[in-house]
Protein backbone atom coordinates (compact mmCIF):
# COMPACT_ATOMS: atom_id res chain seq x y z
CA UNK A 1 162.96 173.86 143.50
CA UNK A 2 162.22 174.02 147.43
CA UNK A 3 165.11 176.26 147.88
CA UNK A 4 164.10 178.48 145.13
CA UNK A 5 160.41 178.94 146.97
CA UNK A 6 162.17 179.40 150.16
CA UNK A 7 164.43 182.15 148.51
CA UNK A 8 161.55 184.08 147.24
CA UNK A 9 159.24 183.88 150.20
CA UNK A 10 162.09 185.36 152.45
CA UNK A 11 162.83 187.99 149.79
CA UNK A 12 159.26 188.84 149.53
CA UNK A 13 159.51 189.29 153.63
CA UNK A 14 162.53 190.79 153.89
CA UNK A 15 160.80 193.53 151.04
CA UNK A 16 157.64 194.09 153.22
CA UNK A 17 159.69 194.73 156.52
CA UNK A 18 161.18 197.38 154.05
CA UNK A 19 158.20 198.78 152.77
CA UNK A 20 156.88 198.78 156.50
CA UNK A 21 159.47 201.04 157.36
CA UNK A 22 158.89 203.28 155.01
CA UNK A 23 155.42 203.66 155.62
CA UNK A 24 156.25 204.63 158.99
CA UNK A 25 158.84 207.05 158.20
CA UNK A 26 156.27 209.04 156.05
CA UNK A 27 153.14 208.32 158.34
CA UNK A 28 151.08 206.55 155.71
CA UNK A 29 148.91 203.43 156.16
CA UNK A 30 150.70 200.40 157.49
CA UNK A 31 151.16 196.82 157.10
CA UNK A 32 149.46 194.91 159.57
CA UNK A 33 151.61 193.28 162.36
CA UNK A 34 149.69 189.92 161.63
CA UNK A 35 150.65 189.86 157.88
CA UNK A 36 154.17 189.89 158.75
CA UNK A 37 153.90 186.97 161.18
CA UNK A 38 151.98 185.33 158.57
CA UNK A 39 155.03 185.77 156.29
CA UNK A 40 157.44 184.45 158.88
CA UNK A 41 155.24 181.76 159.87
CA UNK A 42 155.11 180.57 156.26
CA UNK A 43 158.83 180.01 156.15
CA UNK A 44 159.73 184.19 155.79
CA UNK A 45 161.17 184.02 159.42
CA UNK A 46 164.78 184.36 157.53
CA UNK A 47 163.84 187.78 155.44
CA UNK A 48 161.53 189.04 158.66
CA UNK A 49 164.58 188.47 160.67
CA UNK A 50 166.78 189.95 158.51
CA UNK A 51 164.40 193.25 157.65
CA UNK A 52 164.40 193.60 161.49
CA UNK A 53 168.27 193.90 161.90
CA UNK A 54 168.56 195.67 158.27
CA UNK A 55 166.11 198.41 158.90
CA UNK A 56 165.88 198.37 162.69
CA UNK A 57 162.37 197.94 162.49
CA UNK A 58 160.17 196.53 165.30
CA UNK A 59 163.35 195.52 167.04
CA UNK A 60 161.45 196.88 170.37
CA UNK A 61 158.32 194.95 170.24
CA UNK A 62 158.62 191.87 172.52
CA UNK A 63 156.24 190.23 169.99
CA UNK A 64 158.93 190.58 167.10
CA UNK A 65 162.24 190.22 169.13
CA UNK A 66 161.20 187.12 170.83
CA UNK A 67 158.45 185.59 168.25
CA UNK A 68 160.15 185.84 164.97
CA UNK A 69 163.60 184.26 166.44
CA UNK A 70 161.56 181.38 167.91
CA UNK A 71 159.74 180.92 164.43
CA UNK A 72 163.20 181.08 162.61
CA UNK A 73 164.09 178.16 164.57
CA UNK A 74 161.11 176.47 164.06
CA UNK A 75 161.40 177.10 160.37
CA UNK A 76 164.84 175.48 160.64
CA UNK A 77 163.35 172.85 162.25
CA UNK A 78 160.49 171.62 160.01
CA UNK A 79 162.94 172.29 157.14
CA UNK A 80 165.34 169.81 158.05
CA UNK A 81 162.43 167.27 159.57
CA UNK A 82 160.91 167.24 155.92
CA UNK A 83 164.25 167.14 154.33
CA UNK A 84 164.86 164.02 156.51
CA UNK A 85 161.54 162.50 156.09
CA UNK A 86 161.86 162.99 152.18
CA UNK A 87 164.96 161.38 151.77
CA UNK A 88 164.08 158.09 154.11
CA UNK A 89 161.50 157.26 151.28
CA UNK A 90 162.80 157.56 147.36
């Protein structure tokens, strides 16, 4: 169940990065960076990071090329911690 939820969040984050890149190319209203970071913070850092690489989007901004990988590491560490904690108490 949790894996499906994480997968949905990351796919949504990836799609938001693609949508923001498309909006940037056409000069339309953009998705706020704060929303993208909120997605990354709420376990969507893998999708944001993948979107940065696939769409070559936000790769020049230090806040993104430093912050998103750090959030990805924190996401993995927290998931590992939760998994370890939940398996101790059946």
